Protein backbone atom coordinates (compact mmCIF):
# COMPACT_ATOMS: atom_id res chain seq x y z
CA MET A 1 11.14 -33.32 -42.62
CA GLU A 2 11.03 -29.29 -43.34
CA GLU A 3 8.69 -29.73 -45.68
CA LEU A 4 6.34 -31.82 -43.14
CA SER A 5 7.32 -29.35 -40.46
CA VAL A 6 4.57 -26.35 -42.07
CA ILE A 7 1.95 -28.67 -43.02
CA PHE A 8 2.38 -29.44 -39.20
CA ASP A 9 2.54 -26.69 -37.70
CA GLY A 10 1.37 -26.75 -34.02
CA HIS A 11 2.54 -30.57 -33.57
CA ARG A 12 6.22 -31.55 -32.62
CA LEU A 13 8.12 -33.85 -35.62
CA LEU A 14 10.81 -35.75 -34.94
CA THR A 15 12.42 -38.42 -37.10
CA PRO A 16 14.08 -41.85 -35.84
CA LYS A 17 17.02 -40.67 -35.71
CA ASP A 18 16.49 -37.64 -33.87
CA LYS A 19 14.84 -40.79 -31.22
CA GLY A 20 18.25 -42.63 -31.70
CA ILE A 21 16.10 -45.16 -34.26
CA ASP A 22 18.05 -47.04 -37.03
CA TYR A 23 14.74 -47.22 -38.77
CA SER A 24 15.15 -48.60 -42.38
CA PHE A 25 12.23 -50.02 -44.44
CA GLU A 26 11.88 -52.46 -47.69
CA GLU A 27 9.19 -51.39 -49.39
CA THR A 28 7.84 -54.11 -51.24
CA GLY A 29 4.48 -53.35 -50.98
CA THR A 30 2.85 -53.55 -54.60
CA THR A 31 0.36 -50.01 -54.05
CA PHE A 32 0.53 -46.70 -52.32
CA LEU A 33 -0.82 -47.31 -49.15
CA ALA A 34 0.39 -50.55 -48.39
CA ASN A 35 4.20 -49.54 -48.30
CA ALA A 36 2.82 -46.32 -46.19
CA LYS A 37 1.26 -48.23 -43.71
CA GLY A 38 4.05 -50.85 -43.46
CA LYS A 39 6.43 -47.93 -42.30
CA ALA A 40 4.16 -46.70 -40.17
CA MET A 41 3.41 -49.99 -38.08
CA ALA A 42 6.90 -50.35 -38.39
CA LEU A 43 8.29 -47.48 -36.98
CA PHE A 44 5.36 -47.25 -33.86
CA GLU A 45 6.71 -50.79 -33.17
CA GLN A 46 10.43 -48.99 -32.82
CA ALA A 47 9.12 -46.11 -31.40
CA GLY A 48 6.30 -47.13 -29.11
CA GLU A 49 4.79 -44.01 -29.79
CA PRO A 50 2.30 -42.35 -32.38
CA ALA A 51 3.91 -42.53 -35.98
CA ILE A 52 3.76 -41.03 -40.00
CA ALA A 53 5.19 -41.67 -42.46
CA ASP A 54 3.84 -41.70 -46.44
CA ASP A 55 4.43 -43.45 -49.94
CA SER A 56 4.07 -40.79 -52.41
CA GLY A 57 4.83 -41.28 -56.55
CA LEU A 58 3.93 -40.19 -60.00
CA VAL A 59 0.84 -42.60 -61.64
CA VAL A 60 1.31 -41.94 -65.86
CA PRO A 61 -1.87 -43.77 -66.98
CA ALA A 62 -0.47 -44.21 -70.47
CA LEU A 63 2.38 -45.73 -69.08
CA GLY A 64 0.30 -48.50 -67.29
CA GLY A 65 0.36 -46.36 -64.37
CA GLU A 66 4.34 -46.58 -64.13
CA PRO A 67 6.46 -45.21 -62.26
CA GLY A 68 3.44 -45.68 -59.52
CA VAL A 69 5.05 -47.37 -56.41
CA TYR A 70 8.69 -47.82 -58.36
CA SER A 71 8.79 -44.23 -58.33
CA ALA A 72 11.94 -43.54 -56.75
CA ARG A 73 13.73 -46.44 -58.09
CA TYR A 74 12.29 -46.22 -61.79
CA GLY A 75 14.43 -46.79 -64.16
CA SER A 76 17.01 -48.60 -61.99
CA PRO A 77 18.26 -51.72 -64.05
CA GLY A 78 16.95 -54.40 -62.27
CA GLY A 79 15.86 -52.87 -59.57
CA GLY A 80 19.21 -52.13 -58.29
CA VAL A 81 21.64 -49.09 -58.26
CA LYS A 82 19.18 -46.28 -58.19
CA LEU A 83 19.14 -43.32 -60.99
CA ASP A 84 19.85 -39.94 -59.82
CA THR A 85 16.92 -37.84 -60.15
CA SER A 86 18.40 -36.24 -63.34
CA ALA A 87 18.74 -40.18 -65.00
CA ARG A 88 15.71 -40.77 -64.00
CA ASN A 89 13.00 -37.94 -65.79
CA GLN A 90 14.86 -38.68 -68.55
CA TYR A 91 14.37 -41.94 -68.74
CA LEU A 92 10.27 -41.28 -67.77
CA LEU A 93 10.39 -38.85 -70.54
CA ASN A 94 12.36 -41.37 -73.07
CA LYS A 95 9.55 -43.65 -72.01
CA MET A 96 6.62 -41.16 -73.13
CA GLU A 97 8.37 -39.97 -75.90
CA GLY A 98 5.94 -39.56 -78.95
CA ILE A 99 2.95 -40.45 -76.53
CA GLU A 100 0.02 -37.57 -76.80
CA ASP A 101 -2.09 -38.91 -73.81
CA ARG A 102 0.68 -37.39 -71.34
CA ARG A 103 -1.99 -36.76 -68.43
CA ALA A 104 -0.23 -38.01 -65.10
CA PHE A 105 -1.10 -37.60 -60.86
CA PHE A 106 0.87 -37.57 -58.10
CA VAL A 107 -0.12 -39.88 -55.57
CA CYS A 108 0.90 -39.39 -51.60
CA CYS A 109 -0.67 -41.93 -49.30
CA MET A 110 0.55 -40.24 -45.40
CA VAL A 111 -0.81 -42.77 -42.40
CA LEU A 112 -0.59 -42.26 -38.66
CA VAL A 113 -0.63 -44.59 -36.27
CA LEU A 114 -1.37 -44.43 -32.89
CA SER A 115 -1.50 -47.88 -31.87
CA PRO A 116 -1.73 -51.16 -34.23
CA GLU A 117 -5.37 -51.54 -33.90
CA ARG A 118 -6.29 -47.80 -34.07
CA PHE A 119 -4.58 -46.23 -37.29
CA PHE A 120 -5.88 -43.10 -39.49
CA ILE A 121 -4.86 -43.17 -43.89
CA ALA A 122 -5.18 -39.92 -46.07
CA GLN A 123 -4.77 -40.67 -49.91
CA GLU A 124 -3.97 -37.84 -52.19
CA THR A 125 -3.30 -36.80 -55.83
CA LEU A 126 -2.14 -33.69 -57.92
CA PRO A 127 -3.68 -34.02 -61.44
CA GLY A 128 -1.35 -32.07 -64.52
CA SER A 129 0.77 -33.98 -67.39
CA ILE A 130 4.40 -34.41 -68.36
CA THR A 131 6.30 -32.37 -70.30
CA HIS A 132 8.05 -32.70 -73.24
CA ALA A 133 11.60 -30.84 -71.10
CA PRO A 134 11.92 -30.41 -67.37
CA ARG A 135 10.98 -26.90 -66.26
CA GLY A 136 12.14 -24.95 -62.80
CA THR A 137 14.58 -25.64 -60.58
CA GLY A 138 12.60 -25.87 -56.79
CA GLY A 139 11.19 -28.96 -55.30
CA PHE A 140 12.83 -32.36 -56.23
CA GLY A 141 11.88 -35.49 -58.36
CA TYR A 142 9.85 -35.15 -61.19
CA ASP A 143 8.68 -31.66 -59.69
CA PRO A 144 10.51 -30.47 -63.46
CA LEU A 145 8.58 -31.85 -65.26
CA PHE A 146 4.99 -32.51 -63.45
CA TYR A 147 2.60 -29.93 -65.37
CA LEU A 148 -0.58 -27.99 -63.97
CA PRO A 149 -2.99 -26.74 -66.46
CA ASP A 150 -3.80 -24.02 -63.73
CA TYR A 151 -0.99 -22.60 -62.79
CA GLN A 152 0.31 -22.86 -66.46
CA LYS A 153 3.97 -23.72 -64.36
CA THR A 154 5.82 -27.07 -63.15
CA VAL A 155 5.49 -27.91 -59.57
CA ALA A 156 9.46 -27.15 -59.58
CA GLU A 157 8.18 -23.02 -60.73
CA LEU A 158 5.94 -22.61 -57.76
CA PRO A 159 7.57 -21.27 -54.96
CA GLU A 160 7.24 -23.92 -51.87
CA THR A 161 4.81 -21.99 -49.38
CA GLU A 162 2.21 -22.29 -52.84
CA LYS A 163 3.14 -26.23 -53.45
CA ASN A 164 2.37 -27.36 -49.87
CA LYS A 165 -1.40 -25.71 -50.73
CA ILE A 166 -1.46 -27.88 -53.85
CA SER A 167 0.75 -30.97 -53.47
CA HIS A 168 -0.31 -34.06 -52.71
CA ARG A 169 1.29 -34.56 -49.75
CA GLY A 170 0.12 -31.06 -48.35
CA LEU A 171 -3.58 -31.67 -48.79
CA ALA A 172 -2.72 -35.48 -47.32
CA GLY A 173 -0.62 -34.17 -44.61
CA ILE A 174 -3.74 -31.30 -43.98
CA ARG A 175 -5.88 -34.29 -43.48
CA LEU A 176 -4.35 -35.51 -40.48
CA ARG A 177 -3.00 -32.67 -39.04
CA ALA A 178 -7.06 -32.20 -38.92
CA VAL A 179 -7.19 -35.61 -36.85
CA LEU A 180 -4.07 -34.81 -34.51
CA ASP A 181 -6.15 -31.39 -33.76
CA SER A 182 -9.17 -32.78 -33.26
CA LEU A 183 -7.57 -35.65 -31.14
CA GLN A 184 -5.87 -33.29 -29.15
CA ARG A 185 -8.11 -31.08 -28.53
CA ASN A 186 -10.65 -34.20 -27.23
CA THR A 187 -8.69 -35.90 -25.22
CA PRO A 188 -9.26 -35.37 -21.47
CA THR A 189 -6.45 -33.25 -19.07
CA LYS A 190 -6.25 -34.58 -15.92
CA ASN A 191 -6.07 -32.17 -12.83
CA LYS A 192 -2.87 -32.06 -11.20
């Protein structure tokens, strides 16, 4: 929410909790789009007003696309109890052992639902590679393992403001913010 509030500056964002909604959605989709759209539609149904949701993750081609939509649950035995971030990152490093092709990319699919028939989708990526050891203390998740050659840093070594400008979530959010800005400009106001 902190990250999105900056990206959607000028628009009021509320969490389900802010609205008194007990929201839960089981991510059963096999694509980022299926999960993001499912979450946004379910939230729209409960809130009765526009909703934004995303599904994000890390894709490593050398691992057949893993962890992909299972990024948050990666390495969990039988999809059960989630590993903590450190253990999940170590699991990925162990799987990458001996692999020379360390290319990877983050994906964020973000969906804005205005009604069940009217929604907007933005999907963006951030290309990089997987390091051999964690670096940096910022960010979260796989950020300490995700190296950006153009910056010669991991995402965890970037200042938050810089990360928001280039990240997969930041770019997808910027696209949907443009949609909201456009809708706001083109909505006729009623004379009172």
